[in-house]
Protein backbone atom coordinates (compact mmCIF):
# COMPACT_ATOMS: atom_id res chain seq x y z
CA MET A 1 6.71 111.70 -23.22
CA SER A 2 9.98 110.97 -21.68
CA VAL A 3 13.20 110.35 -23.55
CA GLU A 4 15.58 107.96 -21.99
CA SER A 5 19.17 109.06 -22.33
CA THR A 6 21.97 106.58 -22.68
CA PRO A 7 25.04 107.33 -20.72
CA ASP A 8 28.27 108.10 -22.64
CA THR A 9 30.47 105.10 -22.91
CA ALA A 10 33.97 105.79 -21.62
CA VAL A 11 36.74 104.71 -23.93
CA THR A 12 39.52 103.08 -21.97
CA PRO A 13 42.74 102.23 -23.71
CA SER A 14 43.42 98.57 -23.92
CA THR A 15 46.74 97.26 -22.64
CA PRO A 16 49.07 96.49 -25.57
CA PRO A 17 50.23 92.91 -25.83
CA LEU A 18 53.56 91.86 -24.41
CA SER A 19 55.20 91.53 -27.83
CA ALA A 20 54.36 95.13 -28.70
CA ARG A 21 55.76 96.38 -25.38
CA LEU A 22 58.99 94.50 -25.96
CA ALA A 23 59.31 95.83 -29.52
CA ALA A 24 58.80 99.48 -28.52
CA PRO A 25 62.45 100.18 -27.53
CA TRP A 26 63.69 98.74 -30.81
CA ARG A 27 61.26 100.92 -32.76
CA LEU A 28 62.65 103.90 -30.84
CA ILE A 29 66.21 103.00 -31.79
CA ALA A 30 65.14 102.44 -35.37
CA GLY A 31 63.77 105.95 -35.42
CA LEU A 32 67.11 107.41 -34.47
CA GLN A 33 69.81 108.37 -36.95
CA TRP A 34 71.74 105.15 -37.39
CA ARG A 35 74.92 106.93 -38.40
CA ALA A 36 75.06 108.94 -35.20
CA PHE A 37 74.18 105.89 -33.09
CA SER A 38 76.87 103.76 -34.76
CA LEU A 39 79.46 106.48 -34.29
CA MET A 40 78.63 106.83 -30.61
CA ALA A 41 78.80 103.05 -30.14
CA ALA A 42 82.15 102.84 -31.92
CA ILE A 43 83.63 105.68 -29.84
CA PHE A 44 82.37 104.06 -26.63
CA ALA A 45 83.86 100.69 -27.61
CA LEU A 46 87.16 102.35 -28.47
CA ILE A 47 87.30 104.10 -25.12
CA TYR A 48 86.14 101.00 -23.23
CA TRP A 49 88.91 98.81 -24.65
CA LEU A 50 91.57 101.53 -24.79
CA PRO A 51 94.92 99.77 -24.11
CA VAL A 52 96.06 102.25 -21.49
CA GLY A 53 98.98 100.83 -19.54
CA VAL A 54 100.44 98.94 -22.50
CA GLY A 55 103.96 100.24 -23.04
CA ARG A 56 103.82 100.72 -26.82
CA PHE A 57 100.45 102.44 -26.71
CA ASP A 58 101.45 104.81 -23.91
CA ASN A 59 104.67 105.64 -25.75
CA ALA A 60 102.75 106.25 -29.01
CA VAL A 61 100.39 108.66 -27.25
CA MET A 62 103.36 110.60 -25.87
CA GLU A 63 104.97 110.64 -29.32
CA SER A 64 101.80 112.07 -30.88
CA LEU A 65 101.71 114.82 -28.23
CA HIS A 66 105.42 115.57 -28.71
CA LEU A 67 104.95 115.79 -32.47
CA VAL A 68 101.91 118.07 -32.36
CA LYS A 69 103.63 120.28 -29.77
CA TRP A 70 106.68 120.63 -32.00
CA TYR A 71 104.43 121.23 -35.01
CA ALA A 72 102.52 123.99 -33.22
CA ARG A 73 105.69 125.71 -32.00
CA GLU A 74 107.86 125.49 -35.08
CA HIS A 75 105.66 124.92 -38.08
CA VAL A 76 102.41 126.76 -37.50
CA LEU A 77 104.03 130.10 -36.68
CA LEU A 78 106.75 130.12 -39.33
CA CYS A 79 105.02 128.29 -42.17
CA LEU A 80 101.25 128.12 -41.91
CA VAL A 81 100.52 131.63 -40.63
CA PRO A 82 102.38 133.33 -43.53
CA ALA A 83 100.81 130.83 -45.95
CA PHE A 84 97.31 131.69 -44.69
CA PHE A 85 97.97 135.39 -45.24
CA ILE A 86 99.34 134.74 -48.74
CA ALA A 87 96.34 132.56 -49.63
CA GLY A 88 93.96 135.25 -48.37
CA ALA A 89 95.82 137.88 -50.37
CA ILE A 90 95.44 135.79 -53.53
CA GLY A 91 91.69 135.95 -53.14
CA ALA A 92 91.60 139.63 -52.12
CA PHE A 93 94.18 141.27 -54.39
CA VAL A 94 94.72 138.97 -57.39
CA SER A 95 92.03 139.19 -60.04
CA GLN A 96 90.39 136.00 -61.18
CA ALA A 97 91.24 136.95 -64.74
CA SER A 98 94.95 136.94 -63.92
CA VAL A 99 94.80 133.48 -62.36
CA MET A 100 92.88 132.11 -65.34
CA ARG A 101 95.25 133.79 -67.81
CA TYR A 102 98.30 132.01 -66.43
CA LEU A 103 96.89 128.90 -64.71
CA GLY A 104 93.33 128.47 -66.04
CA PRO A 105 92.06 125.52 -68.07
CA ARG A 106 92.38 127.50 -71.32
CA ALA A 107 95.82 128.93 -70.59
CA HIS A 108 98.79 127.89 -72.74
CA LYS A 109 99.91 124.53 -71.37
CA GLY A 110 103.61 125.36 -71.40
CA LEU A 111 103.00 128.67 -69.61
CA ALA A 112 100.57 127.20 -67.07
CA TYR A 113 102.71 124.24 -66.03
CA GLY A 114 105.88 126.31 -66.18
CA VAL A 115 104.43 128.92 -63.83
CA ALA A 116 103.13 126.22 -61.47
CA SER A 117 106.48 124.43 -61.29
CA VAL A 118 108.57 127.58 -60.93
CA SER A 119 106.26 128.93 -58.21
CA GLY A 120 106.67 125.72 -56.25
CA THR A 121 110.45 125.85 -56.62
CA LEU A 122 110.64 129.40 -55.28
CA LEU A 123 108.39 128.68 -52.29
CA ALA A 124 110.22 125.55 -51.07
CA VAL A 125 107.51 124.67 -48.53
CA CYS A 126 106.36 121.38 -47.01
CA SER A 127 103.26 119.35 -47.89
CA CYS A 128 101.14 121.17 -45.29
CA THR A 129 102.27 124.74 -45.94
CA VAL A 130 101.47 124.50 -49.65
CA LEU A 131 97.82 123.64 -48.93
CA PRO A 132 96.49 127.17 -48.26
CA LEU A 133 98.30 128.42 -51.38
CA PHE A 134 96.86 125.59 -53.46
CA ALA A 135 93.38 126.30 -52.10
CA GLY A 136 93.77 129.97 -53.00
CA ILE A 137 94.69 129.50 -56.66
CA TYR A 138 92.34 126.53 -57.17
CA ARG A 139 89.29 128.40 -55.90
CA MET A 140 90.25 131.45 -57.93
CA GLY A 141 89.85 129.46 -61.14
CA ALA A 142 93.17 127.72 -61.77
CA GLY A 143 92.92 124.57 -63.86
CA LEU A 144 93.13 121.28 -61.99
CA GLY A 145 96.24 120.22 -63.90
CA PRO A 146 98.39 123.32 -63.20
CA ALA A 147 97.05 123.50 -59.62
CA ALA A 148 98.02 119.84 -59.04
CA ALA A 149 101.46 120.50 -60.54
CA PHE A 150 101.87 123.41 -58.12
CA LEU A 151 100.64 121.23 -55.24
CA TYR A 152 103.32 118.63 -55.95
CA ALA A 153 106.12 121.04 -56.94
CA GLY A 154 105.86 123.19 -53.81
CA PRO A 155 107.24 120.62 -51.37
CA ALA A 156 108.98 118.29 -53.86
CA ILE A 157 111.14 120.71 -55.88
CA ASN A 158 112.94 122.23 -52.91
CA VAL A 159 116.33 123.47 -54.11
CA LEU A 160 117.89 123.43 -50.65
CA ALA A 161 116.57 119.92 -49.93
CA ILE A 162 117.91 118.62 -53.26
CA VAL A 163 121.36 120.15 -52.57
CA LEU A 164 121.32 118.63 -49.08
CA THR A 165 120.32 115.26 -50.55
CA ALA A 166 123.25 115.33 -52.97
CA ARG A 167 125.68 116.31 -50.22
CA ILE A 168 124.58 113.69 -47.65
CA LEU A 169 123.18 110.82 -49.73
CA GLY A 170 125.38 111.27 -52.80
CA VAL A 171 125.25 113.13 -56.10
CA GLU A 172 123.44 110.24 -57.80
CA MET A 173 120.57 110.40 -55.31
CA GLY A 174 120.44 114.20 -55.51
CA VAL A 175 120.23 114.18 -59.31
CA GLY A 176 117.64 111.40 -59.25
CA ARG A 177 115.50 113.35 -56.81
CA ALA A 178 115.76 116.59 -58.80
CA VAL A 179 114.93 114.99 -62.17
CA GLY A 180 112.15 112.86 -60.70
CA ALA A 181 110.50 115.76 -58.88
CA ILE A 182 110.52 118.03 -61.95
CA LEU A 183 109.14 115.31 -64.22
CA PHE A 184 106.55 114.26 -61.65
CA SER A 185 105.18 117.77 -61.18
CA LEU A 186 104.39 117.79 -64.90
CA ALA A 187 103.24 114.16 -65.06
CA VAL A 188 100.91 114.45 -62.06
CA GLY A 189 99.43 117.72 -63.32
CA LEU A 190 98.89 116.46 -66.88
CA SER A 191 97.40 113.20 -65.59
CA MET A 192 94.93 115.01 -63.35
CA ALA A 193 93.92 117.27 -66.24
CA PHE A 194 93.43 114.25 -68.54
CA ILE A 195 91.43 112.21 -66.04
CA TYR A 196 89.08 115.13 -65.34
CA ARG A 197 89.19 116.61 -68.85
CA LYS A 198 85.40 116.72 -69.24
CA GLU A 199 84.98 118.62 -65.97
CA GLU A 200 87.84 120.97 -66.87
CA LYS A 201 86.30 121.65 -70.29
CA GLU A 202 82.99 122.62 -68.67
CA LYS A 203 84.87 124.82 -66.18
CA ALA A 204 86.70 126.56 -69.02
CA THR A 205 83.43 127.18 -70.88
CA VAL A 206 81.91 128.85 -67.81
CA GLN A 207 85.02 130.97 -67.31
CA MET A 208 84.97 132.17 -70.93
CA ALA A 209 81.46 133.52 -70.42
CA MET A 210 82.46 135.56 -67.38
CA PRO A 211 83.25 139.25 -67.91
CA GLU A 212 86.89 140.12 -67.28
CA PRO A 213 87.14 142.28 -64.14
CA GLU A 214 88.97 145.58 -64.25
CA ALA A 215 92.32 145.86 -62.52
CA THR A 216 92.12 148.00 -59.37
CA ARG A 217 95.86 148.81 -59.27
CA PRO A 218 98.97 148.34 -61.42
CA LEU A 219 100.37 144.83 -61.53
CA TYR A 220 103.75 145.85 -60.14
CA GLN A 221 102.19 146.99 -56.86
CA THR A 222 100.50 143.65 -56.26
CA ALA A 223 103.67 141.84 -57.36
CA ILE A 224 105.87 143.72 -54.88
CA HIS A 225 103.40 143.02 -52.08
CA PHE A 226 103.38 139.30 -52.88
CA PHE A 227 107.15 139.04 -53.29
CA ALA A 228 107.54 140.60 -49.85
CA MET A 229 105.15 138.07 -48.26
CA VAL A 230 106.76 135.14 -50.09
CA GLY A 231 110.16 136.45 -48.97
CA ILE A 232 108.99 136.36 -45.35
CA LEU A 233 107.82 132.76 -45.79
CA VAL A 234 111.01 131.61 -47.54
CA PHE A 235 113.63 133.36 -45.40
CA ALA A 236 111.94 132.65 -42.06
CA ASN A 237 112.02 128.93 -42.91
CA TRP A 238 115.52 128.87 -44.41
CA GLY A 239 117.10 125.77 -42.89
CA ALA A 240 120.66 125.30 -41.71
CA PRO A 241 122.72 123.76 -44.57
CA GLY A 242 125.09 121.86 -42.26
CA GLU A 243 127.71 122.41 -39.63
CA ALA A 244 130.71 122.69 -41.97
CA ALA A 245 128.82 124.14 -44.93
CA SER A 246 129.76 127.36 -46.67
CA GLY A 247 128.67 129.26 -49.74
CA PHE A 248 125.36 130.80 -50.74
CA PHE A 249 122.98 128.75 -48.57
CA ALA A 250 125.13 129.20 -45.48
CA SER A 251 125.45 132.93 -46.11
CA VAL A 252 121.70 133.36 -46.45
CA PHE A 253 121.11 131.32 -43.29
CA ALA A 254 123.45 133.60 -41.33
CA VAL A 255 121.30 136.66 -42.13
CA LYS A 256 117.89 134.98 -42.59
CA TRP A 257 116.15 137.04 -39.91
CA TRP A 258 117.54 140.31 -41.25
CA LEU A 259 116.21 139.36 -44.69
CA THR A 260 112.88 138.44 -43.15
CA ALA A 261 112.74 141.83 -41.42
CA ALA A 262 113.58 143.61 -44.68
CA CYS A 263 110.73 141.84 -46.46
CA ALA A 264 108.40 142.81 -43.59
CA VAL A 265 109.40 146.48 -44.01
CA VAL A 266 108.68 146.32 -47.76
CA MET A 267 105.29 144.75 -47.06
CA SER A 268 104.47 147.45 -44.50
CA LEU A 269 105.36 150.22 -46.96
CA ALA A 270 103.21 148.56 -49.62
CA LEU A 271 100.27 148.36 -47.21
CA LEU A 272 100.59 152.07 -46.43
CA SER A 273 101.20 153.25 -49.98
CA TRP A 274 98.86 151.12 -52.07
CA PHE A 275 96.42 149.26 -49.81
CA GLN A 276 95.09 152.10 -47.60
CA ALA A 277 96.26 150.59 -44.32
CA ARG A 278 95.88 152.87 -41.30
CA LEU A 279 99.18 154.54 -40.40
CA TRP A 280 98.69 154.28 -36.64
CA LYS A 281 98.00 150.55 -36.86
CA VAL A 282 101.13 149.88 -38.90
CA LEU A 283 103.31 152.03 -36.62
CA LEU A 284 101.90 150.41 -33.48
CA SER A 285 102.49 146.91 -34.88
CA ALA A 286 106.03 147.81 -35.98
CA ALA A 287 106.83 149.26 -32.54
CA ALA A 288 105.59 146.07 -30.88
CA VAL A 289 107.85 143.95 -33.12
CA VAL A 290 110.89 146.12 -32.35
CA ILE A 291 110.23 145.94 -28.61
CA ALA A 292 109.81 142.16 -28.79
CA GLY A 293 113.05 141.83 -30.77
CA LEU A 294 115.01 143.91 -28.26
CA SER A 295 113.46 142.08 -25.31
CA PHE A 296 114.13 138.61 -26.75
CA PRO A 297 117.23 139.05 -28.96
CA PHE A 298 117.99 135.31 -29.17
CA GLN A 299 114.41 134.11 -29.65
CA PRO A 300 113.36 135.28 -33.13
CA LEU A 301 110.08 133.38 -32.92
CA VAL A 302 108.80 135.93 -30.39
CA PRO A 303 109.03 139.02 -32.64
CA PHE A 304 107.83 136.92 -35.57
CA MET A 305 104.72 135.93 -33.61
CA VAL A 306 104.18 139.56 -32.54
CA GLY A 307 104.48 140.63 -36.18
CA SER A 308 101.88 138.06 -37.24
CA VAL A 309 99.46 139.36 -34.61
CA GLY A 310 100.25 142.90 -35.74
CA LEU A 311 99.40 142.08 -39.36
CA ALA A 312 96.12 140.56 -38.25
CA PHE A 313 95.46 143.79 -36.35
CA VAL A 314 96.21 145.86 -39.46
CA VAL A 315 93.76 143.94 -41.65
CA LEU A 316 91.06 144.03 -38.96
CA GLU A 317 88.71 146.42 -40.77
CA LYS A 318 84.97 146.64 -41.31
CA ASP A 319 85.06 146.89 -45.09
CA GLY A 320 87.38 147.32 -48.04
CA GLU A 321 90.17 145.18 -49.46
CA LEU A 322 91.94 144.77 -46.15
CA ALA A 323 88.76 143.49 -44.53
CA GLU A 324 88.32 140.99 -47.37
CA TRP A 325 91.94 139.90 -46.96
CA GLY A 326 91.44 139.31 -43.26
CA SER A 327 88.18 137.44 -43.80
CA LEU A 328 89.66 135.10 -46.41
CA THR A 329 92.75 134.46 -44.30
CA TRP A 330 90.61 133.54 -41.30
CA GLY A 331 88.44 131.32 -43.47
CA TYR A 332 91.44 129.30 -44.68
CA ALA A 333 92.78 129.03 -41.13
CA LYS A 334 89.45 127.69 -39.82
CA GLN A 335 89.17 125.15 -42.60
CA ILE A 336 92.74 123.86 -42.72
CA LEU A 337 94.41 124.20 -39.31
CA PRO A 338 92.12 121.87 -37.26
CA LEU A 339 92.43 119.10 -39.86
CA LEU A 340 96.20 119.50 -40.00
CA LEU A 341 96.62 119.30 -36.23
CA ALA A 342 94.35 116.24 -36.07
CA GLY A 343 96.35 114.62 -38.84
CA VAL A 344 99.65 115.33 -37.09
CA VAL A 345 98.32 113.71 -33.90
CA VAL A 346 97.30 110.57 -35.81
CA ALA A 347 100.60 110.46 -37.72
CA GLY A 348 102.54 110.76 -34.46
CA LEU A 349 100.43 108.04 -32.86
CA LEU A 350 101.06 105.60 -35.71
CA LEU A 351 104.61 106.45 -36.77
CA GLY A 352 106.09 108.58 -33.97
CA ARG A 353 108.74 111.24 -34.45
CA PRO A 354 112.04 110.83 -36.34
CA GLY A 355 114.12 108.54 -34.16
CA HIS A 356 111.15 107.48 -32.02
CA GLU A 357 108.53 104.81 -32.63
CA GLY A 358 104.75 104.95 -32.56
CA LEU A 359 102.29 102.07 -32.73
CA ILE A 360 103.93 100.75 -35.92
CA PRO A 361 107.37 99.29 -35.08
CA GLY A 362 110.21 100.85 -37.01
CA ALA A 363 111.69 97.39 -37.60
CA TRP A 364 108.67 96.55 -39.78
CA VAL A 365 109.34 99.57 -41.97
CA SER A 366 113.08 98.88 -42.26
CA ALA A 367 112.55 95.19 -43.05
CA SER A 368 110.12 96.04 -45.86
CA LEU A 369 112.42 98.48 -47.64
CA GLY A 370 115.42 96.32 -48.49
CA GLY A 371 116.33 95.38 -52.05
CA ASN A 372 114.70 96.79 -55.16
CA SER A 373 111.57 94.70 -55.56
CA LEU A 374 108.22 96.04 -56.64
CA GLY A 375 106.89 95.45 -53.14
CA ALA A 376 109.75 97.37 -51.49
CA ASN A 377 109.32 100.38 -53.79
CA PHE A 378 105.55 100.34 -53.44
CA PHE A 379 105.76 100.08 -49.65
CA ALA A 380 108.29 102.94 -49.58
CA SER A 381 105.91 105.13 -51.62
CA ILE A 382 102.96 104.27 -49.37
CA ALA A 383 104.96 104.88 -46.20
CA GLY A 384 106.25 108.18 -47.54
CA ALA A 385 102.76 109.26 -48.57
CA PHE A 386 101.38 108.84 -45.04
CA MET A 387 104.39 109.99 -43.00
CA TYR A 388 104.84 113.66 -42.16
CA PHE A 389 108.19 115.20 -43.15
CA ALA A 390 109.01 118.75 -42.12
CA THR A 391 111.20 120.55 -44.65
CA LEU A 392 114.70 118.97 -44.87
CA THR A 393 114.04 116.34 -42.18
CA GLU A 394 113.57 113.63 -44.80
CA VAL A 395 117.30 113.64 -45.66
CA PRO A 396 118.69 112.52 -42.27
CA ILE A 397 115.82 110.01 -41.97
CA MET A 398 116.81 108.52 -45.33
CA GLN A 399 120.43 108.44 -44.23
CA GLY A 400 119.49 106.33 -41.21
CA LEU A 401 117.22 103.99 -43.21
CA MET A 402 119.83 103.46 -45.93
CA GLY A 403 122.38 102.71 -43.24
CA SER A 404 120.00 100.00 -41.99
CA GLY A 405 119.85 98.30 -45.37
CA MET A 406 117.27 100.28 -47.35
CA GLY A 407 117.79 100.00 -51.13
CA LYS A 408 118.49 103.08 -53.22
CA GLY A 409 115.36 102.52 -55.32
CA PRO A 410 112.94 102.55 -52.35
CA ALA A 411 114.92 105.47 -50.91
CA LEU A 412 114.23 107.56 -54.02
CA ALA A 413 110.58 106.42 -54.06
CA LEU A 414 110.16 107.62 -50.49
CA LEU A 415 111.96 110.92 -51.23
CA LEU A 416 109.61 111.59 -54.15
CA ALA A 417 106.37 110.66 -52.34
CA GLY A 418 107.16 111.72 -48.78
CA PRO A 419 107.71 115.49 -48.95
CA ALA A 420 104.78 115.96 -51.35
CA LEU A 421 102.20 114.06 -49.27
CA SER A 422 101.28 113.30 -45.68
CA LEU A 423 98.26 112.08 -43.76
CA PRO A 424 97.47 115.63 -42.53
CA SER A 425 97.65 117.02 -46.07
CA MET A 426 95.28 114.31 -47.36
CA LEU A 427 92.64 115.28 -44.80
CA VAL A 428 92.84 118.92 -45.90
CA LEU A 429 92.85 118.12 -49.61
CA ARG A 430 89.59 116.21 -49.15
CA SER A 431 87.95 119.38 -47.86
CA ILE A 432 89.28 121.39 -50.82
CA MET A 433 88.67 119.16 -53.83
CA GLY A 434 86.82 116.11 -52.50
CA TRP A 435 87.78 112.53 -51.69
CA ARG A 436 87.76 111.34 -55.29
CA LYS A 437 90.25 113.86 -56.65
CA THR A 438 92.36 113.52 -53.51
CA ALA A 439 92.49 109.73 -53.95
CA VAL A 440 93.47 110.12 -57.61
CA PHE A 441 96.21 112.64 -56.75
CA VAL A 442 97.64 110.41 -54.00
CA SER A 443 97.47 107.34 -56.23
CA LEU A 444 99.32 109.11 -59.04
CA VAL A 445 102.11 110.20 -56.72
CA VAL A 446 102.43 106.70 -55.24
CA VAL A 447 102.44 104.96 -58.65
CA PHE A 448 104.93 107.37 -60.23
CA SER A 449 107.21 107.17 -57.18
CA THR A 450 107.12 103.37 -57.30
CA ILE A 451 108.03 103.33 -60.99
CA ALA A 452 110.84 105.83 -60.45
CA GLY A 453 112.23 103.75 -57.59
CA LEU A 454 112.21 100.60 -59.71
CA ILE A 455 114.02 102.31 -62.58
CA PHE A 456 116.52 104.08 -60.32
CA GLY A 457 117.28 100.90 -58.40
CA THR A 458 118.30 99.04 -61.57
CA VAL A 459 120.62 101.78 -62.89
C-alpha cells in the first residue's frame, strides 16, 4: 500500500497594495517622538531662514557676544563664583534646623522677613548673583515667603545703588526707590506665602516631624566663616561711587582689594582651625595668590581667579564636610551657570548692551515710556523685568532714558523691577521652583512696580 505524499506548499508573501506602500513612511513618522521631530523641524527652519547679512541682525549677534563676553569676564568671576561657594556652604555647614528656625514656614513672621530683607541689603548683589544663595536657603527648608523676600531684596535693596540714584537722579527718586524696594520685598514675600499657603502649611507639618539635628560646631565659628565669604563677595564687587565722590563709599572703594584680601585670610584661618582643611593645600593656594598678585599688580582679577581655583583645590576631598561643600558648590554651578549664560546671550540679542541696540530698536522703548499712563508704567516694568542690569548700571541707563523724555513714574517702575529680575534669572528660577511659582513671582514684581510708578508719577 503506497501513501501518496503532497508536496509542501510554499508561502510567498503577497505584494502590498500601492496605498499601503505610500502610507508606510507616514506610519514611520507617526511612530517617532513628535516633540523631538517638531523641535528638529523648527531648528532647521530657523537656520534655513536665518537673516544673516541683514544689518540689524548681524549687529544684534555681535551685541549678544559682546555682552556674554563681558559677563563672563567681569560678573562670573567676581559675583557668581563666590556666590556658588556661599550657596554650597549653606548646604554643608548650616543646619537645616537653623534655616527653619529663622526662615522656615513656622518661624516668627517679623523675624523671618526681617532676616530675609536685612540679608539682601548686606549682600547688595544683582539678580543673577542672588540665585545660588536663594537656591541654597530654599532647598534647606526656608519658607517660600521669606525666601522670595530675600530673592527680591538682594538686588533691589542695594544701599550703594540707592545712594547713587539719589545723587544722579535726585533725592526724590532715591527715596522713592528705597521705600518702594523695602515695601516690595515684604509685599512680594507675603503674597507668595499667601498664594501658596496650603503648600507651605504641608511643608511646615513635614518639617515639624523631622528630628532636630545636633550642631557639629559652635555657631560663632560658622558665622565667622560666612561673614568672611560674604565680605569677599561684597568688597570685590564694590563699585566706584563717582569721579568726584568722597566719604565712606569712596574710602571703601579705594581699599576694596585690601579688604577682600583680609576677608580671604580670615576664611583661610577658619578653614584650618575649624573645618579640618589640609595645611599644605591652604599654604600652596595662598602662595599662588601672592605670586599672581605680585606678577599682575594692576590686574586684581588675576589673583582673585587664582584664589577661586585655590579654594576649589582646598575643598577637593574624598569625604567629610569639605567634600560635601565642594560637591554642592559644583552642583549649583552646573545647574545655574549654563542657563545664565544662555539667558545673557538672548538678552543681548534682543536688547543689546547699554548704549547699543539689539533686535529691538531703542526708539521703541523710549517712545513707550513717556508720560505717566498705565501703559507706560506697565511697559517699563515689563522691559525692566526682561533686561539684564549689572549692579549700578541701571542708574546711568535711567539718566539717559529720562533725558530722552521718560516720565518719573515709569523710571521708578523700571528701577524697582529691573535690578530684581532679568531673563537669565527667570530661566534659572524655573529650574529651582518651577514655572508656575516663577511666573507668579515675576507677575507680582511687575504689578507692584507698575502700581508704584503710577503713584509716584502723580506725586
